[in-house]
């Protein structure tokens, strides 16, 4: 149970919306926190399969579609090919 000021919170959804509205950030909801966690995991280099499991996705397709772009290694190979400052044999 979630409590505030000594009493139970009836609706976390409404509570988050009210806090966001007071802070001048409309549209705050539980999904924002889920998305933020996934983005931080991706930026930290956690494999998409692990992020998918953490989020409860049944496969990685959803996770990759939504969060892969936040991973530092996403598209790294493509970017490396276009890096003309190194010789082809020097690329990893």
Protein backbone atom coordinates (compact mmCIF):
# COMPACT_ATOMS: atom_id res chain seq x y z
CA UNK A 1 0.00 0.00 0.00
CA UNK A 2 1.19 3.52 -0.82
CA UNK A 3 0.70 6.14 1.89
CA UNK A 4 0.89 9.91 2.06
CA UNK A 5 0.34 12.13 5.11
CA UNK A 6 -0.49 9.08 7.21
CA UNK A 7 -3.27 7.79 4.97
CA UNK A 8 -3.57 5.46 2.01
CA UNK A 9 -3.26 6.82 -1.51
CA UNK A 10 -6.36 5.80 -3.41
CA UNK A 11 -4.95 6.35 -6.89
CA UNK A 12 -1.24 6.47 -7.67
CA UNK A 13 -2.12 7.51 -11.24
CA UNK A 14 -4.06 10.55 -10.06
CA UNK A 15 -1.37 11.36 -7.50
CA UNK A 16 1.38 11.34 -10.13
CA UNK A 17 -0.73 13.50 -12.43
CA UNK A 18 -1.35 16.02 -9.64
CA UNK A 19 2.34 16.19 -8.74
CA UNK A 20 3.28 16.67 -12.39
CA UNK A 21 0.67 19.38 -12.84
CA UNK A 22 1.92 21.23 -9.74
CA UNK A 23 5.49 20.99 -11.01
CA UNK A 24 4.45 22.31 -14.42
CA UNK A 25 5.16 18.98 -16.12
CA UNK A 26 1.89 17.76 -17.62
CA UNK A 27 1.43 14.12 -18.54
CA UNK A 28 3.48 12.59 -15.72
CA UNK A 29 2.55 8.97 -15.15
CA UNK A 30 4.00 5.65 -14.13
CA UNK A 31 5.12 4.98 -17.72
CA UNK A 32 7.52 7.95 -17.49
CA UNK A 33 9.42 6.19 -14.70
CA UNK A 34 9.45 2.90 -16.61
CA UNK A 35 10.75 4.63 -19.73
CA UNK A 36 13.39 6.53 -17.74
CA UNK A 37 14.64 3.31 -16.14
CA UNK A 38 14.87 1.57 -19.52
CA UNK A 39 16.73 4.48 -21.10
CA UNK A 40 19.26 4.58 -18.26
CA UNK A 41 19.78 0.83 -18.56
CA UNK A 42 20.34 1.16 -22.33
CA UNK A 43 22.71 4.08 -21.88
CA UNK A 44 24.59 2.02 -19.31
CA UNK A 45 25.18 -0.72 -21.87
CA UNK A 46 22.79 -3.31 -20.41
CA UNK A 47 21.91 -5.79 -23.18
CA UNK A 48 18.44 -5.39 -24.72
CA UNK A 49 17.55 -8.95 -23.67
CA UNK A 50 18.13 -8.04 -20.02
CA UNK A 51 16.20 -4.78 -20.33
CA UNK A 52 13.33 -6.70 -21.94
CA UNK A 53 13.28 -9.16 -19.06
CA UNK A 54 13.45 -6.33 -16.50
CA UNK A 55 10.47 -4.60 -18.16
CA UNK A 56 8.53 -7.84 -18.49
CA UNK A 57 8.49 -7.88 -22.30
CA UNK A 58 7.88 -11.36 -23.69
CA UNK A 59 10.47 -10.79 -26.43
CA UNK A 60 13.13 -8.21 -27.22
CA UNK A 61 11.42 -6.82 -30.35
CA UNK A 62 9.39 -4.28 -28.38
CA UNK A 63 12.35 -3.34 -26.24
CA UNK A 64 14.62 -2.90 -29.24
CA UNK A 65 12.04 -0.87 -31.17
CA UNK A 66 11.44 1.55 -28.30
CA UNK A 67 14.72 1.70 -26.39
CA UNK A 68 17.60 0.53 -28.63
CA UNK A 69 18.20 4.03 -29.97
CA UNK A 70 19.30 5.04 -26.47
CA UNK A 71 21.99 2.38 -26.33
CA UNK A 72 25.50 3.72 -27.01
CA UNK A 73 26.30 0.59 -29.02
CA UNK A 74 23.17 0.80 -31.19
CA UNK A 75 24.26 1.46 -34.78
CA UNK A 76 27.91 1.73 -33.63
CA UNK A 77 29.02 -0.64 -36.39
CA UNK A 78 27.31 1.49 -39.05
CA UNK A 79 28.88 4.67 -37.66
CA UNK A 80 32.31 3.04 -37.56
CA UNK A 81 32.10 2.14 -41.25
CA UNK A 82 31.53 5.80 -42.06
CA UNK A 83 34.40 6.94 -39.87
CA UNK A 84 36.89 7.86 -42.55
CA UNK A 85 39.50 9.01 -40.02
CA UNK A 86 40.64 5.42 -39.41
CA UNK A 87 41.87 2.76 -41.83
CA UNK A 88 39.52 -0.20 -42.48
CA UNK A 89 41.91 -2.66 -40.80
CA UNK A 90 42.05 -0.52 -37.63
CA UNK A 91 38.29 -0.71 -36.93
CA UNK A 92 37.02 -2.95 -34.14
